[in-house]
C-alpha atoms as a PDB file:
ATOM      1  CA  MET A   1       0.000   0.000   0.000  1.00  0.00           C
ATOM      2  CA  ASN A   2       1.186   3.501  -0.893  1.00  0.00           C
ATOM      3  CA  PRO A   3       2.596   5.404   2.160  1.00  0.00           C
ATOM      4  CA  GLY A   4       0.548   8.451   1.150  1.00  0.00           C
ATOM      5  CA  VAL A   5      -2.627   6.367   1.367  1.00  0.00           C
ATOM      6  CA  VAL A   6      -1.646   5.135   4.820  1.00  0.00           C
ATOM      7  CA  ALA A   7      -0.888   8.701   5.959  1.00  0.00           C
ATOM      8  CA  ALA A   8      -4.240   9.993   4.665  1.00  0.00           C
ATOM      9  CA  ILE A   9      -6.249   7.217   6.280  1.00  0.00           C
ATOM     10  CA  ALA A  10      -4.346   7.411   9.573  1.00  0.00           C
ATOM     11  CA  TYR A  11      -4.767  11.199   9.784  1.00  0.00           C
ATOM     12  CA  GLY A  12      -8.448  10.754   8.945  1.00  0.00           C
ATOM     13  CA  ILE A  13      -8.912   8.292  11.783  1.00  0.00           C
ATOM     14  CA  LEU A  14      -7.068  10.652  14.139  1.00  0.00           C
ATOM     15  CA  ALA A  15      -9.366  13.519  13.085  1.00  0.00           C
ATOM     16  CA  ILE A  16     -12.492  11.451  13.748  1.00  0.00           C
ATOM     17  CA  VAL A  17     -11.224  10.223  17.122  1.00  0.00           C
ATOM     18  CA  GLY A  18     -10.136  13.753  18.053  1.00  0.00           C
ATOM     19  CA  GLY A  19     -13.549  15.143  17.160  1.00  0.00           C
ATOM     20  CA  ALA A  20     -15.237  12.487  19.294  1.00  0.00           C
ATOM     21  CA  ILE A  21     -12.941  13.219  22.232  1.00  0.00           C
ATOM     22  CA  GLY A  22     -13.588  16.957  21.841  1.00  0.00           C
ATOM     23  CA  TYR A  23     -17.311  16.292  21.931  1.00  0.00           C
ATOM     24  CA  LYS A  24     -17.061  14.016  24.954  1.00  0.00           C
ATOM     25  CA  GLN A  25     -14.856  16.349  26.986  1.00  0.00           C
ATOM     26  CA  ALA A  26     -16.293  19.744  26.060  1.00  0.00           C
ATOM     27  CA  GLN A  27     -19.692  18.852  24.563  1.00  0.00           C
ATOM     28  CA  SER A  28     -18.427  20.559  21.406  1.00  0.00           C
ATOM     29  CA  LYS A  29     -20.726  19.619  18.549  1.00  0.00           C
ATOM     30  CA  ALA A  30     -18.465  21.621  16.232  1.00  0.00           C
ATOM     31  CA  SER A  31     -15.553  19.324  17.102  1.00  0.00           C
ATOM     32  CA  LEU A  32     -17.634  16.243  16.437  1.00  0.00           C
ATOM     33  CA  VAL A  33     -18.995  17.477  13.100  1.00  0.00           C
ATOM     34  CA  SER A  34     -15.740  18.956  11.790  1.00  0.00           C
ATOM     35  CA  GLY A  35     -13.655  16.010  12.992  1.00  0.00           C
ATOM     36  CA  THR A  36     -16.001  13.497  11.403  1.00  0.00           C
ATOM     37  CA  ALA A  37     -16.364  15.434   8.136  1.00  0.00           C
ATOM     38  CA  SER A  38     -12.651  16.088   7.667  1.00  0.00           C
ATOM     39  CA  GLY A  39     -11.758  12.557   8.782  1.00  0.00           C
ATOM     40  CA  LEU A  40     -14.175  10.998   6.307  1.00  0.00           C
ATOM     41  CA  LEU A  41     -12.827  13.188   3.486  1.00  0.00           C
ATOM     42  CA  LEU A  42      -9.273  12.113   4.356  1.00  0.00           C
ATOM     43  CA  ILE A  43     -10.259   8.450   4.437  1.00  0.00           C
ATOM     44  CA  LEU A  44     -12.214   8.863   1.185  1.00  0.00           C
ATOM     45  CA  GLY A  45      -9.138  10.370  -0.451  1.00  0.00           C
ATOM     46  CA  GLY A  46      -6.898   7.565   0.765  1.00  0.00           C
ATOM     47  CA  VAL A  47      -9.294   4.827  -0.280  1.00  0.00           C
ATOM     48  CA  ALA A  48      -9.893   6.466  -3.669  1.00  0.00           C
ATOM     49  CA  ARG A  49      -6.138   6.615  -4.303  1.00  0.00           C
ATOM     50  CA  SER A  50      -5.755   2.977  -3.296  1.00  0.00           C
ATOM     51  CA  PHE A  51      -8.321   2.153  -6.009  1.00  0.00           C
ATOM     52  CA  GLY A  52      -6.257   4.029  -8.581  1.00  0.00           C
ATOM     53  CA  GLN A  53      -8.070   7.359  -8.510  1.00  0.00           C
ATOM     54  CA  VAL A  54      -5.377   9.992  -8.971  1.00  0.00           C
ATOM     55  CA  TRP A  55      -7.480  12.720  -7.333  1.00  0.00           C
ATOM     56  CA  GLY A  56      -7.633  10.837  -4.015  1.00  0.00           C
ATOM     57  CA  LEU A  57      -4.360  12.017  -2.514  1.00  0.00           C
ATOM     58  CA  GLY A  58      -4.966  15.501  -3.890  1.00  0.00           C
ATOM     59  CA  LEU A  59      -8.215  15.673  -1.926  1.00  0.00           C
ATOM     60  CA  ALA A  60      -6.513  14.345   1.195  1.00  0.00           C
ATOM     61  CA  ALA A  61      -3.648  16.832   0.811  1.00  0.00           C
ATOM     62  CA  ILE A  62      -6.045  19.781   0.464  1.00  0.00           C
ATOM     63  CA  VAL A  63      -8.014  18.727   3.555  1.00  0.00           C
ATOM     64  CA  THR A  64      -4.742  18.262   5.452  1.00  0.00           C
ATOM     65  CA  VAL A  65      -3.478  21.735   4.495  1.00  0.00           C
ATOM     66  CA  ILE A  66      -6.757  23.255   5.710  1.00  0.00           C
ATOM     67  CA  LEU A  67      -6.541  21.334   8.994  1.00  0.00           C
ATOM     68  CA  VAL A  68      -2.895  22.319   9.524  1.00  0.00           C
ATOM     69  CA  ILE A  69      -3.801  25.997   9.038  1.00  0.00           C
ATOM     70  CA  ILE A  70      -6.759  25.744  11.430  1.00  0.00           C
ATOM     71  CA  PHE A  71      -4.809  23.894  14.108  1.00  0.00           C
ATOM     72  CA  THR A  72      -1.734  26.123  13.788  1.00  0.00           C
ATOM     73  CA  THR A  73      -3.963  29.156  14.321  1.00  0.00           C
ATOM     74  CA  ARG A  74      -5.573  27.468  17.311  1.00  0.00           C
ATOM     75  CA  LEU A  75      -2.160  26.521  18.731  1.00  0.00           C
ATOM     76  CA  ILE A  76      -0.943  30.109  18.461  1.00  0.00           C
ATOM     77  CA  LYS A  77      -4.153  31.369  20.066  1.00  0.00           C
ATOM     78  CA  THR A  78      -4.343  28.894  22.975  1.00  0.00           C
ATOM     79  CA  ARG A  79      -0.660  27.954  23.371  1.00  0.00           C
ATOM     80  CA  LYS A  80      -1.828  24.461  24.380  1.00  0.00           C
ATOM     81  CA  PHE A  81      -0.203  21.516  22.633  1.00  0.00           C
ATOM     82  CA  MET A  82      -3.242  19.272  22.975  1.00  0.00           C
ATOM     83  CA  PRO A  83      -5.018  18.897  20.655  1.00  0.00           C
ATOM     84  CA  ALA A  84      -3.918  21.675  18.287  1.00  0.00           C
ATOM     85  CA  GLY A  85      -0.172  21.028  18.476  1.00  0.00           C
ATOM     86  CA  LEU A  86      -0.557  17.290  17.999  1.00  0.00           C
ATOM     87  CA  MET A  87      -2.863  17.712  15.000  1.00  0.00           C
ATOM     88  CA  THR A  88      -0.477  20.288  13.498  1.00  0.00           C
ATOM     89  CA  VAL A  89       2.630  18.116  13.872  1.00  0.00           C
ATOM     90  CA  VAL A  90       0.924  14.950  12.658  1.00  0.00           C
ATOM     91  CA  GLY A  91      -0.758  16.897   9.848  1.00  0.00           C
ATOM     92  CA  VAL A  92       2.540  18.299   8.576  1.00  0.00           C
ATOM     93  CA  ALA A  93       4.116  14.838   8.714  1.00  0.00           C
ATOM     94  CA  ALA A  94       1.154  13.315   6.857  1.00  0.00           C
ATOM     95  CA  LEU A  95       1.291  16.100   4.277  1.00  0.00           C
ATOM     96  CA  VAL A  96       4.988  15.461   3.609  1.00  0.00           C
ATOM     97  CA  VAL A  97       4.303  11.764   3.054  1.00  0.00           C
ATOM     98  CA  MET A  98       1.299  12.494   0.835  1.00  0.00           C
ATOM     99  CA  TRP A  99       3.243  15.094  -1.180  1.00  0.00           C
ATOM    100  CA  LYS A 100       5.994  12.594  -1.916  1.00  0.00           C
ATOM    101  CA  ASN A 101       3.405  10.118  -3.189  1.00  0.00           C
ATOM    102  CA  LEU A 102       1.191  12.402  -5.282  1.00  0.00           C
END
């Protein structure tokens, strides 16, 4: 399996789990909805690429860039590593892997 596909799917799962944790801890419906939506788009992109659809990793890369921007902004604003710092670091790493496999 392509490392970019693995990175997209793994980051998607992390986004979904993070959204669920955000909802459970802070009753944040926005976290649940945005985490699930972005996670499903990332997984969709990874799965599409694994089935030979060239656009799959492009979709996953675009969603990852958006998430990295959002979480970097949140990290600067809150200065708390969890969850914004973790999602930023993992997002940048996933983006590098995806970029190399586009």
